[in-house]
Protein backbone atom coordinates (compact mmCIF):
# COMPACT_ATOMS: atom_id res chain seq x y z
CA UNK A 1 17.07 -18.93 26.49
CA UNK A 2 14.23 -20.15 24.25
CA UNK A 3 14.27 -23.95 24.22
CA UNK A 4 13.24 -25.95 21.22
CA UNK A 5 9.94 -27.81 21.67
CA UNK A 6 7.57 -30.10 19.78
CA UNK A 7 5.69 -26.94 18.77
CA UNK A 8 8.52 -25.60 16.57
CA UNK A 9 7.17 -24.26 13.29
CA UNK A 10 7.97 -21.69 10.63
CA UNK A 11 11.43 -21.34 9.11
CA UNK A 12 14.61 -22.34 10.92
CA UNK A 13 17.24 -21.08 8.50
CA UNK A 14 20.45 -23.08 8.19
CA UNK A 15 23.05 -20.34 8.61
CA UNK A 16 26.14 -20.25 6.44
CA UNK A 17 29.51 -19.66 8.09
CA UNK A 18 31.10 -16.51 6.62
CA UNK A 19 34.81 -16.58 5.88
CA UNK A 20 37.23 -13.94 4.68
CA UNK A 21 39.16 -14.56 1.46
CA UNK A 22 42.06 -15.97 3.49
CA UNK A 23 39.81 -18.52 5.20
CA UNK A 24 39.55 -16.76 8.55
CA UNK A 25 36.18 -16.46 10.29
CA UNK A 26 34.38 -13.24 9.39
CA UNK A 27 32.68 -12.27 12.64
CA UNK A 28 31.34 -8.95 11.34
CA UNK A 29 29.53 -10.78 8.55
CA UNK A 30 28.01 -13.12 11.12
CA UNK A 31 26.35 -10.10 12.74
CA UNK A 32 25.01 -8.84 9.37
CA UNK A 33 23.84 -12.33 8.47
CA UNK A 34 21.88 -12.73 11.71
CA UNK A 35 20.23 -9.34 11.19
CA UNK A 36 19.33 -10.34 7.65
CA UNK A 37 17.75 -13.62 8.70
CA UNK A 38 15.74 -11.87 11.39
CA UNK A 39 14.51 -9.26 8.91
CA UNK A 40 13.63 -12.06 6.48
CA UNK A 41 11.25 -13.54 9.07
CA UNK A 42 13.18 -16.53 10.38
CA UNK A 43 11.50 -18.11 13.40
CA UNK A 44 14.74 -19.86 14.35
CA UNK A 45 18.32 -20.38 13.22
CA UNK A 46 20.40 -23.52 12.90
CA UNK A 47 24.19 -23.23 13.00
CA UNK A 48 27.00 -25.70 12.28
CA UNK A 49 24.91 -27.75 9.89
CA UNK A 50 26.29 -29.64 6.91
CA UNK A 51 25.88 -26.55 4.73
CA UNK A 52 27.49 -24.42 7.43
CA UNK A 53 30.89 -26.04 6.77
CA UNK A 54 30.96 -27.35 10.33
CA UNK A 55 33.54 -30.09 9.63
CA UNK A 56 35.99 -27.40 8.48
CA UNK A 57 35.94 -25.59 11.84
CA UNK A 58 38.09 -26.28 14.86
CA UNK A 59 36.35 -26.90 18.16
CA UNK A 60 37.24 -23.41 19.34
CA UNK A 61 35.94 -21.87 16.11
CA UNK A 62 32.67 -23.76 16.40
CA UNK A 63 32.06 -22.26 19.83
CA UNK A 64 33.12 -18.85 18.55
CA UNK A 65 30.46 -19.03 15.84
CA UNK A 66 27.78 -20.21 18.28
CA UNK A 67 28.65 -17.49 20.78
CA UNK A 68 28.63 -14.74 18.14
CA UNK A 69 25.28 -15.76 16.66
CA UNK A 70 23.63 -16.11 20.06
CA UNK A 71 24.93 -12.74 21.19
CA UNK A 72 23.43 -11.11 18.09
CA UNK A 73 20.12 -12.96 18.43
CA UNK A 74 19.84 -11.85 22.06
CA UNK A 75 17.10 -14.39 22.74
CA UNK A 76 14.73 -13.14 20.04
CA UNK A 77 14.39 -16.52 18.35
CA UNK A 78 15.69 -19.99 19.27
CA UNK A 79 18.90 -21.37 17.86
CA UNK A 80 19.70 -25.01 17.15
CA UNK A 81 23.32 -26.13 17.01
CA UNK A 82 24.52 -29.04 14.91
CA UNK A 83 26.56 -31.27 17.22
CA UNK A 84 26.99 -34.39 15.11
CA UNK A 85 30.38 -35.91 15.83
CA UNK A 86 32.30 -39.19 15.47
CA UNK A 87 31.99 -39.84 19.20
CA UNK A 88 29.58 -39.04 22.00
CA UNK A 89 32.27 -37.24 24.04
CA UNK A 90 32.70 -34.52 21.42
CA UNK A 91 28.94 -34.32 20.94
CA UNK A 92 28.30 -33.90 24.66
CA UNK A 93 31.03 -31.29 25.06
CA UNK A 94 29.72 -29.09 22.23
CA UNK A 95 26.15 -29.58 23.45
CA UNK A 96 26.98 -28.45 26.99
CA UNK A 97 28.95 -25.45 25.82
CA UNK A 98 26.25 -24.38 23.35
CA UNK A 99 23.43 -24.74 25.84
CA UNK A 100 25.43 -22.80 28.44
CA UNK A 101 25.76 -20.00 25.89
CA UNK A 102 21.98 -19.93 25.38
CA UNK A 103 21.18 -22.33 22.53
CA UNK A 104 17.68 -23.77 22.43
CA UNK A 105 18.59 -27.27 21.34
CA UNK A 106 20.89 -29.36 19.17
CA UNK A 107 20.71 -31.37 15.96
CA UNK A 108 22.12 -34.88 15.59
CA UNK A 109 22.68 -36.79 12.35
CA UNK A 110 23.35 -40.54 12.43
CA UNK A 111 26.84 -41.78 11.49
CA UNK A 112 27.11 -43.76 8.27
CA UNK A 113 28.18 -46.88 10.14
CA UNK A 114 24.62 -47.61 11.29
CA UNK A 115 23.16 -50.42 9.19
CA UNK A 116 20.06 -51.69 11.02
CA UNK A 117 17.01 -50.10 12.58
CA UNK A 118 18.06 -51.42 15.97
CA UNK A 119 21.44 -49.73 15.63
CA UNK A 120 19.78 -46.43 14.70
CA UNK A 121 17.39 -46.51 17.66
CA UNK A 122 20.15 -47.51 20.05
CA UNK A 123 22.40 -44.75 18.74
CA UNK A 124 19.85 -42.03 19.49
CA UNK A 125 19.06 -43.58 22.85
CA UNK A 126 22.73 -43.40 23.80
CA UNK A 127 23.20 -39.93 22.33
CA UNK A 128 20.34 -38.65 24.48
CA UNK A 129 21.92 -40.18 27.57
CA UNK A 130 25.22 -38.41 26.85
CA UNK A 131 23.76 -34.94 26.19
CA UNK A 132 21.29 -35.08 29.09
CA UNK A 133 18.00 -33.23 29.25
CA UNK A 134 18.59 -31.27 26.04
CA UNK A 135 15.95 -31.13 23.28
CA UNK A 136 17.29 -32.37 19.98
CA UNK A 137 16.45 -32.59 16.31
CA UNK A 138 16.76 -35.96 14.59
CA UNK A 139 18.33 -35.24 11.20
CA UNK A 140 17.02 -37.70 8.63
CA UNK A 141 19.16 -37.03 5.55
CA UNK A 142 19.98 -40.37 3.90
CA UNK A 143 21.34 -38.78 0.72
CA UNK A 144 24.20 -37.35 2.80
CA UNK A 145 24.55 -39.84 5.66
CA UNK A 146 23.76 -43.07 3.83
CA UNK A 147 21.50 -44.05 6.74
CA UNK A 148 17.87 -44.80 5.91
CA UNK A 149 15.57 -44.39 8.91
CA UNK A 150 12.12 -45.90 8.33
CA UNK A 151 8.96 -44.60 9.94
CA UNK A 152 8.96 -47.50 12.40
CA UNK A 153 12.42 -46.56 13.71
CA UNK A 154 11.48 -42.90 14.03
CA UNK A 155 8.38 -43.94 15.97
CA UNK A 156 10.51 -45.97 18.38
CA UNK A 157 12.92 -43.08 18.92
CA UNK A 158 10.05 -40.69 19.61
CA UNK A 159 8.53 -43.16 22.07
CA UNK A 160 11.74 -44.11 23.88
CA UNK A 161 13.60 -40.78 23.81
CA UNK A 162 11.43 -37.91 25.11
CA UNK A 163 14.06 -35.26 24.36
CA UNK A 164 13.60 -35.89 20.62
CA UNK A 165 11.27 -33.00 19.82
CA UNK A 166 11.78 -32.43 16.08
CA UNK A 167 12.48 -34.33 12.87
CA UNK A 168 14.58 -32.58 10.22
CA UNK A 169 13.04 -34.33 7.27
CA UNK A 170 15.36 -34.58 4.27
CA UNK A 171 14.52 -37.95 2.82
CA UNK A 172 14.14 -37.85 -0.95
CA UNK A 173 11.62 -38.98 -2.04
CA UNK A 174 10.04 -38.50 1.34
CA UNK A 175 6.53 -37.12 1.04
CA UNK A 176 4.97 -40.47 1.90
CA UNK A 177 7.09 -40.58 5.06
CA UNK A 178 5.53 -37.31 6.26
CA UNK A 179 2.05 -38.66 5.57
CA UNK A 180 2.84 -41.85 7.49
CA UNK A 181 4.28 -39.95 10.45
CA UNK A 182 1.22 -37.72 10.65
CA UNK A 183 -1.23 -40.63 10.42
CA UNK A 184 -3.17 -41.26 13.61
CA UNK A 185 -1.48 -43.79 15.83
CA UNK A 186 1.96 -43.76 14.18
CA UNK A 187 3.67 -41.69 16.87
CA UNK A 188 2.80 -41.79 20.56
CA UNK A 189 3.17 -37.98 20.67
CA UNK A 190 3.29 -35.24 18.10
CA UNK A 191 6.70 -33.81 17.27
CA UNK A 192 7.66 -30.98 14.98
CA UNK A 193 8.56 -31.83 11.39
CA UNK A 194 10.75 -29.25 9.65
CA UNK A 195 11.94 -30.01 6.13
CA UNK A 196 15.22 -29.57 4.28
CA UNK A 197 16.52 -30.04 0.74
CA UNK A 198 16.68 -26.30 0.09
CA UNK A 199 12.91 -25.99 0.17
CA UNK A 200 12.45 -27.51 -3.30
CA UNK A 201 9.50 -29.63 -2.09
CA UNK A 202 8.21 -27.22 0.54
CA UNK A 203 4.64 -26.66 -0.79
CA UNK A 204 4.03 -30.41 -0.98
CA UNK A 205 5.68 -31.02 2.37
CA UNK A 206 3.44 -28.44 4.02
CA UNK A 207 0.40 -30.08 2.44
CA UNK A 208 1.50 -33.44 3.89
CA UNK A 209 1.65 -32.08 7.43
CA UNK A 210 5.08 -30.51 7.90
CA UNK A 211 5.37 -27.55 10.27
CA UNK A 212 7.84 -25.60 8.16
CA UNK A 213 11.42 -25.65 6.94
CA UNK A 214 14.83 -26.16 8.49
CA UNK A 215 17.10 -25.55 5.56
CA UNK A 216 19.04 -22.91 3.71
CA UNK A 217 18.38 -20.94 0.55
CA UNK A 218 19.84 -17.66 -0.63
CA UNK A 219 16.32 -16.17 -0.49
CA UNK A 220 14.88 -17.26 2.88
CA UNK A 221 11.95 -14.95 2.11
CA UNK A 222 10.71 -17.66 -0.24
CA UNK A 223 10.47 -20.21 2.54
CA UNK A 224 8.87 -17.69 4.89
CA UNK A 225 6.16 -16.85 2.37
CA UNK A 226 5.50 -20.46 1.34
CA UNK A 227 5.05 -21.55 4.96
CA UNK A 228 2.87 -18.52 5.69
CA UNK A 229 0.51 -18.99 2.74
CA UNK A 230 0.30 -22.78 3.10
CA UNK A 231 -0.52 -22.39 6.79
CA UNK A 232 -3.38 -20.05 5.85
CA UNK A 233 -4.73 -22.41 3.21
CA UNK A 234 -3.56 -20.18 0.36
CA UNK A 235 -1.98 -22.94 -1.69
CA UNK A 236 -2.29 -21.25 -5.07
CA UNK A 237 -0.51 -18.12 -3.86
CA UNK A 238 2.18 -20.24 -2.23
CA UNK A 239 2.81 -22.11 -5.47
CA UNK A 240 2.87 -18.97 -7.59
CA UNK A 241 5.60 -17.56 -5.37
CA UNK A 242 7.42 -20.89 -5.24
CA UNK A 243 7.47 -21.12 -9.02
CA UNK A 244 9.12 -17.70 -9.24
CA UNK A 245 12.04 -18.91 -7.12
CA UNK A 246 12.18 -22.51 -8.37
CA UNK A 247 14.81 -22.13 -11.14
CA UNK A 248 17.30 -20.62 -8.69
CA UNK A 249 16.41 -23.13 -5.97
CA UNK A 250 16.95 -25.95 -8.47
CA UNK A 251 20.34 -24.53 -9.48
CA UNK A 252 21.38 -24.18 -5.83
CA UNK A 253 20.57 -27.85 -5.21
CA UNK A 254 23.48 -29.11 -7.31
CA UNK A 255 25.58 -31.47 -5.17
CA UNK A 256 29.00 -30.02 -4.49
CA UNK A 257 28.08 -26.62 -5.89
CA UNK A 258 25.05 -25.53 -3.89
CA UNK A 259 26.87 -23.82 -1.03
CA UNK A 260 29.04 -21.85 -3.45
CA UNK A 261 25.87 -20.64 -5.20
CA UNK A 262 24.25 -19.71 -1.90
CA UNK A 263 27.26 -17.77 -0.68
CA UNK A 264 27.67 -16.03 -4.05
CA UNK A 265 24.10 -14.73 -3.93
CA UNK A 266 24.30 -13.78 -0.25
CA UNK A 267 27.46 -11.80 -1.01
CA UNK A 268 25.71 -10.08 -3.94
CA UNK A 269 22.86 -9.20 -1.58
CA UNK A 270 25.32 -7.64 0.87
CA UNK A 271 24.60 -10.18 3.60
CA UNK A 272 28.19 -11.44 3.83
CA UNK A 273 31.35 -9.68 2.72
CA UNK A 274 32.81 -12.61 0.76
CA UNK A 275 31.48 -15.67 -1.00
CA UNK A 276 34.59 -17.61 0.05
CA UNK A 277 34.34 -21.24 1.12
CA UNK A 278 36.97 -22.61 3.45
CA UNK A 279 39.18 -25.17 1.72
CA UNK A 280 38.60 -27.74 0.53
CA UNK A 281 35.95 -25.90 -1.40
CA UNK A 282 35.94 -23.65 -4.43
CA UNK A 283 33.79 -20.77 -5.54
CA UNK A 284 31.87 -20.41 -8.79
CA UNK A 285 33.50 -20.17 -12.18
CA UNK A 286 32.76 -17.11 -14.30
CA UNK A 287 30.36 -19.15 -16.40
CA UNK A 288 28.44 -20.29 -13.31
CA UNK A 289 28.30 -16.73 -11.97
CA UNK A 290 26.78 -15.58 -15.26
CA UNK A 291 24.17 -18.33 -15.06
CA UNK A 292 23.23 -17.35 -11.51
CA UNK A 293 23.04 -13.68 -12.48
CA UNK A 294 20.66 -14.56 -15.30
CA UNK A 295 18.49 -16.60 -12.94
CA UNK A 296 18.41 -13.71 -10.47
CA UNK A 297 17.31 -11.27 -13.16
CA UNK A 298 14.53 -13.54 -14.37
CA UNK A 299 13.44 -14.22 -10.79
CA UNK A 300 13.15 -10.50 -10.12
CA UNK A 301 11.00 -10.11 -13.21
CA UNK A 302 8.66 -12.97 -12.23
CA UNK A 303 8.22 -11.55 -8.73
CA UNK A 304 7.30 -8.15 -10.18
CA UNK A 305 4.65 -9.83 -12.30
CA UNK A 306 3.14 -11.40 -9.18
CA UNK A 307 2.81 -8.10 -7.29
């Protein structure tokens, strides 16, 4: 088992959950998907995230997905499991089971009921007590959770909860938050910062001090290359590549439609057998499919021009 640490960097791809047309789990596609992410250069995987349709799975199915992915990974890269839950009992149970199967850590988002900084800090303090000595990712995604976590609260969590090793940064706008967190003296120890939002701000986030991405996109190669070139100081090359993918990344960021776009493209690429979302959730209309196909064709042309 490779445990998540403060040194996490690169691209931790948020894995989709493949379903058959009838809504059943597609375990064979999970195997193909894991192979694809490894070939695309992922340095880690994250399962059961918000874009992994985790709330649509039963408890048994969640463990089935975790077990299948970990078996295919075979320890080659670490895996983070989303364990956010209404109560700490469910969170602790899924955490224990996932870690026993070989996961490297877990990810915890705050519930929308938290209204003050003190409540946020106390929530993560209690969550850490329930899951024990397990490294976790603090998911800061106010657009989805409705919980705004200021730099001062993050600093307190990092200081008071040593098992918090990574921030999944998805505030929007949030570039100034990264700068503040990386400023000398803000945190009492350095933690990993991996960014979300489909990678649409990744070049700027890397420039501000992020260590990589923890998000999904139907072309994870984009995130791999952006992180690689930014880390080597090759900002112009990173942005040229980013610009080639940007129209599709922008289209995939549509609220309520993004996962359908991602699954449609992954199915076209042969990564998963079906683009089906488990209900409630619908696929793309014919008009949307035609728009995505056009974006794919133009993306391919732009990439050829960069070679």
